[in-house]
């Protein structure tokens, strides 16, 4: 089921000099329910502008947004009931206690106090905030407030959660808590998560698919496919028998074989599906006298993929978001 769909989504701002700044251009996205989608890009690439368009904070210059099949332009309130946003600079009423602010936000969504407590209890426990319910928010650390913002955002049980740098500047133990919560929301409750982040390990750990944005969508898809890891494998050998590279190259579906300098590792590039090729490849190598120690996918890491896409993609982006 498609949760988020955009077609030709474009945002053009007027500059102070009377010209135009294209922040996002012709963005087409299709994101499934329960998917964690990573939206990457350099500063000024249009990520925050995209998030604001998805939740209806700003109206696109042209194009459409559908959430759960509902057109944002014609039914904005129906969409907003299904969406939650946690911006990078999320605020709160620091002179309220945690419990008071949850009650306040729950009331905005038509929830009574009993429902707020029932929905927040497990989340507060999971994130280590259950014993701070009567404490003022101004006494909270940055990490504690960030966790609170996530609890507050999901009180109304949204179908889509939009996050802009959710763990920026947080301690590693807090980051792990947030990651665990996001994975649980997607896996157990089919919440669709769109994650804008410069934290590449975070994206690799959480995201089912990624899109790299620089005003336009440069690349998009599952990380394994984008990196080439699903079609390139590293085979480590226990010894270096003669002819093992030639044996591997003759297996149907193998496009190219490279040997390492020490002759103990093969890098095998495939033309077909690995499940149909790798077992036969290993069988042939073993039959030829090779001791196979390890078979593992081998592709570019996200950092090099990101760098190559942004550099090769060109086309502006820096300074595009006012």
Protein backbone atom coordinates (compact mmCIF):
# COMPACT_ATOMS: atom_id res chain seq x y z
CA UNK A 1 0.00 0.00 0.00
CA UNK A 2 1.35 3.44 -0.95
CA UNK A 3 1.47 5.83 1.99
CA UNK A 4 3.08 8.91 0.42
CA UNK A 5 2.95 9.81 -3.24
CA UNK A 6 4.16 13.02 -4.85
CA UNK A 7 4.01 13.95 -8.50
CA UNK A 8 5.91 16.86 -10.06
CA UNK A 9 6.24 18.43 -6.60
CA UNK A 10 7.93 21.80 -7.06
CA UNK A 11 8.62 24.78 -4.81
CA UNK A 12 9.80 28.11 -6.21
CA UNK A 13 10.51 31.04 -3.89
CA UNK A 14 10.76 34.68 -4.84
CA UNK A 15 14.20 36.08 -4.10
CA UNK A 16 14.80 39.49 -2.54
CA UNK A 17 16.20 40.69 -5.84
CA UNK A 18 13.01 39.89 -7.68
CA UNK A 19 14.15 36.64 -9.25
CA UNK A 20 13.22 33.06 -8.43
CA UNK A 21 14.89 30.35 -6.38
CA UNK A 22 13.89 26.78 -7.22
CA UNK A 23 14.11 24.89 -3.92
CA UNK A 24 12.57 21.59 -5.09
CA UNK A 25 11.98 20.64 -8.70
CA UNK A 26 9.65 17.96 -10.14
CA UNK A 27 9.91 15.58 -7.20
CA UNK A 28 8.25 12.19 -7.74
CA UNK A 29 8.16 9.90 -4.70
CA UNK A 30 6.25 6.74 -3.86
CA UNK A 31 6.74 5.50 -0.29
CA UNK A 32 5.06 2.39 1.09
CA UNK A 33 3.21 2.08 4.40
CA UNK A 34 5.53 0.93 7.19
CA UNK A 35 8.65 1.94 5.26
CA UNK A 36 11.52 4.01 6.65
CA UNK A 37 12.63 6.30 3.83
CA UNK A 38 15.82 8.32 4.10
CA UNK A 39 15.92 11.70 2.39
CA UNK A 40 19.52 12.85 2.02
CA UNK A 41 21.19 15.87 0.53
CA UNK A 42 23.58 18.74 1.26
CA UNK A 43 22.52 21.82 3.17
CA UNK A 44 20.10 23.83 1.05
CA UNK A 45 19.17 20.83 -1.11
CA UNK A 46 15.43 21.18 -0.42
CA UNK A 47 14.95 18.47 2.22
CA UNK A 48 13.25 20.70 4.80
CA UNK A 49 11.16 22.35 2.09
CA UNK A 50 10.02 18.90 0.98
CA UNK A 51 9.06 17.93 4.53
CA UNK A 52 7.08 21.15 4.94
CA UNK A 53 5.20 20.49 1.70
CA UNK A 54 4.39 16.92 2.73
CA UNK A 55 2.68 18.02 5.93
CA UNK A 56 0.96 21.07 4.47
CA UNK A 57 2.97 23.78 6.22
CA UNK A 58 3.70 25.37 2.85
CA UNK A 59 1.81 25.11 -0.42
CA UNK A 60 3.84 23.85 -3.39
CA UNK A 61 4.18 26.01 -6.47
CA UNK A 62 2.94 23.06 -8.48
CA UNK A 63 2.53 19.33 -8.19
CA UNK A 64 0.53 17.06 -5.89
CA UNK A 65 0.88 15.30 -2.54
CA UNK A 66 -1.26 12.30 -1.59
CA UNK A 67 -1.14 10.75 1.89
CA UNK A 68 -2.94 7.39 2.15
CA UNK A 69 -4.55 8.28 -1.17
CA UNK A 70 -5.91 11.61 0.13
CA UNK A 71 -5.10 14.76 -1.84
CA UNK A 72 -3.45 17.29 0.47
CA UNK A 73 -4.61 20.25 -1.62
CA UNK A 74 -8.32 19.39 -1.37
CA UNK A 75 -8.48 17.67 2.06
CA UNK A 76 -5.72 19.28 4.16
CA UNK A 77 -7.30 18.54 7.54
CA UNK A 78 -7.75 14.84 6.74
CA UNK A 79 -4.09 14.65 5.77
CA UNK A 80 -2.85 16.54 8.83
CA UNK A 81 -4.67 14.14 11.13
CA UNK A 82 -2.57 11.36 9.58
CA UNK A 83 0.79 13.15 9.73
CA UNK A 84 3.19 14.13 12.51
CA UNK A 85 6.24 16.37 12.14
CA UNK A 86 9.27 16.58 14.40
CA UNK A 87 11.40 19.44 13.05
CA UNK A 88 15.04 19.88 13.94
CA UNK A 89 14.20 22.88 16.13
CA UNK A 90 11.04 21.49 17.75
CA UNK A 91 9.91 23.65 20.66
CA UNK A 92 7.90 23.10 23.82
CA UNK A 93 6.41 24.99 26.75
CA UNK A 94 9.28 24.73 29.19
CA UNK A 95 7.28 25.99 32.16
CA UNK A 96 4.92 23.02 31.85
CA UNK A 97 5.63 19.55 33.16
CA UNK A 98 5.99 16.66 30.75
CA UNK A 99 2.53 15.39 31.71
CA UNK A 100 0.90 18.83 31.37
CA UNK A 101 2.25 19.32 27.88
CA UNK A 102 1.19 15.86 26.75
CA UNK A 103 -2.31 16.56 28.06
CA UNK A 104 -2.32 19.90 26.24
CA UNK A 105 -1.27 18.42 22.90
CA UNK A 106 -3.64 15.52 23.34
CA UNK A 107 -6.50 17.96 23.82
CA UNK A 108 -5.57 19.68 20.55
CA UNK A 109 -6.20 16.33 18.84
CA UNK A 110 -9.43 15.71 20.75
CA UNK A 111 -7.93 13.14 23.14
CA UNK A 112 -8.98 12.92 26.78
CA UNK A 113 -6.42 12.54 29.55
CA UNK A 114 -7.05 8.84 30.01
CA UNK A 115 -6.31 8.20 26.33
CA UNK A 116 -3.18 10.35 26.48
CA UNK A 117 -1.88 8.37 29.46
CA UNK A 118 -2.71 5.03 27.87
CA UNK A 119 -0.96 5.94 24.61
CA UNK A 120 2.09 7.57 26.17
CA UNK A 121 2.82 5.14 29.01
CA UNK A 122 4.68 2.52 26.97
CA UNK A 123 6.59 5.12 24.97
CA UNK A 124 7.73 7.02 28.05
CA UNK A 125 8.90 3.78 29.64
CA UNK A 126 10.72 2.71 26.47
CA UNK A 127 12.55 6.03 26.31
CA UNK A 128 13.36 6.27 30.01
CA UNK A 129 11.05 9.20 30.76
CA UNK A 130 8.37 7.52 32.85
CA UNK A 131 9.75 8.86 36.14
CA UNK A 132 9.97 12.45 34.83
CA UNK A 133 6.27 13.04 34.14
CA UNK A 134 5.91 15.66 36.89
CA UNK A 135 9.14 17.50 36.13
CA UNK A 136 9.25 20.80 34.25
CA UNK A 137 10.49 20.53 30.68
CA UNK A 138 13.01 23.31 31.32
CA UNK A 139 14.89 20.90 33.60
CA UNK A 140 15.32 18.38 30.77
CA UNK A 141 18.53 17.86 28.83
CA UNK A 142 18.54 18.24 25.04
CA UNK A 143 18.39 14.47 24.61
CA UNK A 144 15.48 14.09 27.00
CA UNK A 145 13.55 16.85 25.27
CA UNK A 146 14.20 15.25 21.88
CA UNK A 147 12.77 11.96 23.13
CA UNK A 148 9.79 13.83 24.57
CA UNK A 149 9.16 15.49 21.19
CA UNK A 150 8.87 12.04 19.59
CA UNK A 151 6.38 10.87 22.21
CA UNK A 152 4.34 14.04 21.74
CA UNK A 153 4.36 13.64 17.95
CA UNK A 154 2.85 10.15 17.95
CA UNK A 155 0.12 10.75 20.57
CA UNK A 156 -2.58 10.94 17.88
CA UNK A 157 -1.27 7.72 16.26
CA UNK A 158 -0.23 9.23 12.92
CA UNK A 159 0.21 7.08 9.84
CA UNK A 160 3.17 9.19 8.64
CA UNK A 161 6.04 10.52 10.78
CA UNK A 162 8.26 13.21 9.26
CA UNK A 163 11.60 13.72 11.00
CA UNK A 164 14.19 16.41 10.33
CA UNK A 165 17.56 15.51 11.90
CA UNK A 166 15.95 13.66 14.83
CA UNK A 167 19.21 12.71 16.58
CA UNK A 168 21.47 15.67 15.74
CA UNK A 169 23.78 16.40 18.68
CA UNK A 170 22.46 13.61 20.91
CA UNK A 171 24.51 11.23 23.07
CA UNK A 172 25.05 7.75 21.55
CA UNK A 173 22.85 6.02 24.15
CA UNK A 174 19.99 8.44 23.40
CA UNK A 175 20.46 7.88 19.67
CA UNK A 176 20.06 4.12 20.12
CA UNK A 177 16.83 4.66 22.09
CA UNK A 178 15.41 6.83 19.31
CA UNK A 179 16.44 4.34 16.61
CA UNK A 180 14.79 1.48 18.48
CA UNK A 181 11.55 3.46 18.78
CA UNK A 182 11.47 4.38 15.09
CA UNK A 183 12.10 0.79 14.02
CA UNK A 184 9.32 -0.41 16.33
CA UNK A 185 6.84 2.18 14.99
CA UNK A 186 7.50 1.11 11.41
CA UNK A 187 7.65 -2.63 12.07
CA UNK A 188 4.89 -3.08 14.64
CA UNK A 189 2.48 -0.26 13.77
CA UNK A 190 3.10 0.26 10.03
CA UNK A 191 3.95 3.92 10.56
CA UNK A 192 5.67 5.39 7.51
CA UNK A 193 8.80 7.29 8.52
CA UNK A 194 10.51 9.89 6.34
CA UNK A 195 13.91 10.68 7.80
CA UNK A 196 15.98 13.71 6.80
CA UNK A 197 19.46 13.19 8.20
CA UNK A 198 23.15 13.90 7.68
CA UNK A 199 23.92 10.98 10.01
CA UNK A 200 24.82 8.33 7.43
CA UNK A 201 25.12 5.48 9.94
CA UNK A 202 21.60 6.34 11.08
CA UNK A 203 20.33 6.08 7.52
CA UNK A 204 22.11 2.75 6.94
CA UNK A 205 20.73 1.33 10.19
CA UNK A 206 17.13 2.46 9.77
CA UNK A 207 16.16 3.02 6.16
CA UNK A 208 14.59 0.58 3.73
CA UNK A 209 15.19 2.97 0.84
CA UNK A 210 16.95 6.26 0.35
CA UNK A 211 16.62 9.22 -1.97
CA UNK A 212 19.40 11.72 -2.54
CA UNK A 213 18.08 15.20 -3.21
CA UNK A 214 19.82 18.24 -4.63
CA UNK A 215 16.85 20.31 -5.72
CA UNK A 216 16.01 17.37 -7.98
CA UNK A 217 15.89 13.72 -6.93
CA UNK A 218 19.30 12.44 -8.07
CA UNK A 219 19.00 8.76 -7.12
CA UNK A 220 16.40 6.70 -5.27
CA UNK A 221 16.01 3.06 -4.28
CA UNK A 222 17.06 0.36 -1.79
CA UNK A 223 20.54 1.06 -0.46
CA UNK A 224 21.86 -2.36 -1.49
CA UNK A 225 20.81 -1.77 -5.07
CA UNK A 226 22.15 1.78 -5.21
CA UNK A 227 25.51 0.70 -3.81
CA UNK A 228 25.74 -2.29 -6.14
CA UNK A 229 26.09 -4.68 -3.19
CA UNK A 230 23.24 -6.87 -4.45
CA UNK A 231 25.18 -7.63 -7.65
CA UNK A 232 28.81 -7.59 -6.43
CA UNK A 233 30.20 -10.22 -4.05
CA UNK A 234 33.52 -10.68 -2.29
CA UNK A 235 34.69 -14.30 -2.03
CA UNK A 236 37.57 -14.94 0.37
CA UNK A 237 39.59 -18.10 -0.20
CA UNK A 238 41.63 -20.20 2.22
CA UNK A 239 44.30 -20.76 -0.40
CA UNK A 240 45.13 -19.66 -3.92
CA UNK A 241 44.67 -22.53 -6.37
CA UNK A 242 45.49 -21.89 -10.00
CA UNK A 243 42.60 -21.06 -12.27
CA UNK A 244 39.97 -20.23 -9.62
CA UNK A 245 39.21 -16.85 -11.22
CA UNK A 246 38.76 -18.54 -14.59
CA UNK A 247 36.45 -21.13 -13.01
CA UNK A 248 34.32 -18.38 -11.50
CA UNK A 249 34.19 -16.44 -14.76
CA UNK A 250 32.69 -19.45 -16.59
CA UNK A 251 29.66 -19.68 -14.28
CA UNK A 252 26.44 -18.53 -15.98
CA UNK A 253 25.42 -15.08 -14.74
CA UNK A 254 28.93 -13.96 -13.77
CA UNK A 255 29.87 -10.84 -15.72
CA UNK A 256 33.38 -10.14 -14.46
CA UNK A 257 35.85 -11.50 -11.89
CA UNK A 258 38.67 -9.53 -10.26
CA UNK A 259 41.46 -10.95 -8.11
CA UNK A 260 43.04 -9.12 -5.20
CA UNK A 261 46.78 -8.49 -5.08
CA UNK A 262 47.29 -11.34 -2.58
CA UNK A 263 45.29 -13.80 -4.76
CA UNK A 264 43.13 -14.83 -1.79
CA UNK A 265 40.07 -12.75 -2.59
CA UNK A 266 37.80 -12.63 -5.64
CA UNK A 267 35.43 -9.80 -6.44
CA UNK A 268 32.64 -11.17 -8.58
CA UNK A 269 30.22 -8.98 -10.55
CA UNK A 270 26.90 -10.60 -11.43
CA UNK A 271 24.42 -10.03 -14.23
CA UNK A 272 21.57 -11.97 -12.61
CA UNK A 273 20.01 -12.58 -9.22
CA UNK A 274 22.56 -13.70 -6.58
CA UNK A 275 20.30 -16.46 -5.22
CA UNK A 276 20.43 -18.17 -8.60
CA UNK A 277 24.20 -17.72 -9.16
CA UNK A 278 26.15 -17.74 -5.88
CA UNK A 279 25.41 -21.40 -4.86
CA UNK A 280 26.61 -22.70 -8.23
CA UNK A 281 29.63 -20.41 -8.14
CA UNK A 282 30.69 -21.73 -4.73
CA UNK A 283 30.10 -25.34 -5.86
CA UNK A 284 32.34 -24.86 -8.88
CA UNK A 285 35.10 -23.24 -6.85
CA UNK A 286 35.09 -26.03 -4.25
CA UNK A 287 35.05 -28.69 -6.96
CA UNK A 288 38.07 -26.98 -8.47
CA UNK A 289 40.01 -27.28 -5.21
CA UNK A 290 39.41 -23.85 -3.66
CA UNK A 291 38.63 -23.48 0.03
CA UNK A 292 35.87 -20.89 0.33
CA UNK A 293 36.08 -19.04 3.66
CA UNK A 294 33.55 -16.24 3.18
CA UNK A 295 31.00 -14.98 0.65
CA UNK A 296 29.68 -11.46 1.28
CA UNK A 297 28.00 -8.63 -0.66
CA UNK A 298 30.44 -5.92 -1.63
CA UNK A 299 29.38 -2.45 -2.68
CA UNK A 300 30.13 1.20 -2.16
CA UNK A 301 29.34 2.49 1.29
CA UNK A 302 26.68 5.16 1.67
CA UNK A 303 29.28 7.89 2.12
CA UNK A 304 30.87 7.31 -1.28
CA UNK A 305 27.48 6.78 -2.92
CA UNK A 306 26.24 10.07 -1.47
CA UNK A 307 29.40 11.96 -2.45
CA UNK A 308 29.34 10.64 -6.02
CA UNK A 309 25.64 11.37 -6.48
CA UNK A 310 25.87 14.92 -5.14
CA UNK A 311 29.01 15.80 -7.10
CA UNK A 312 27.88 14.17 -10.33
CA UNK A 313 24.28 15.38 -9.90
CA UNK A 314 25.30 19.07 -9.92
CA UNK A 315 22.41 21.39 -10.68
CA UNK A 316 22.42 23.74 -7.72
CA UNK A 317 20.71 23.19 -4.44
CA UNK A 318 23.05 25.12 -2.18
CA UNK A 319 21.24 28.09 -0.81
CA UNK A 320 18.00 27.01 -2.42
CA UNK A 321 16.00 26.91 0.78
CA UNK A 322 15.51 30.34 2.33
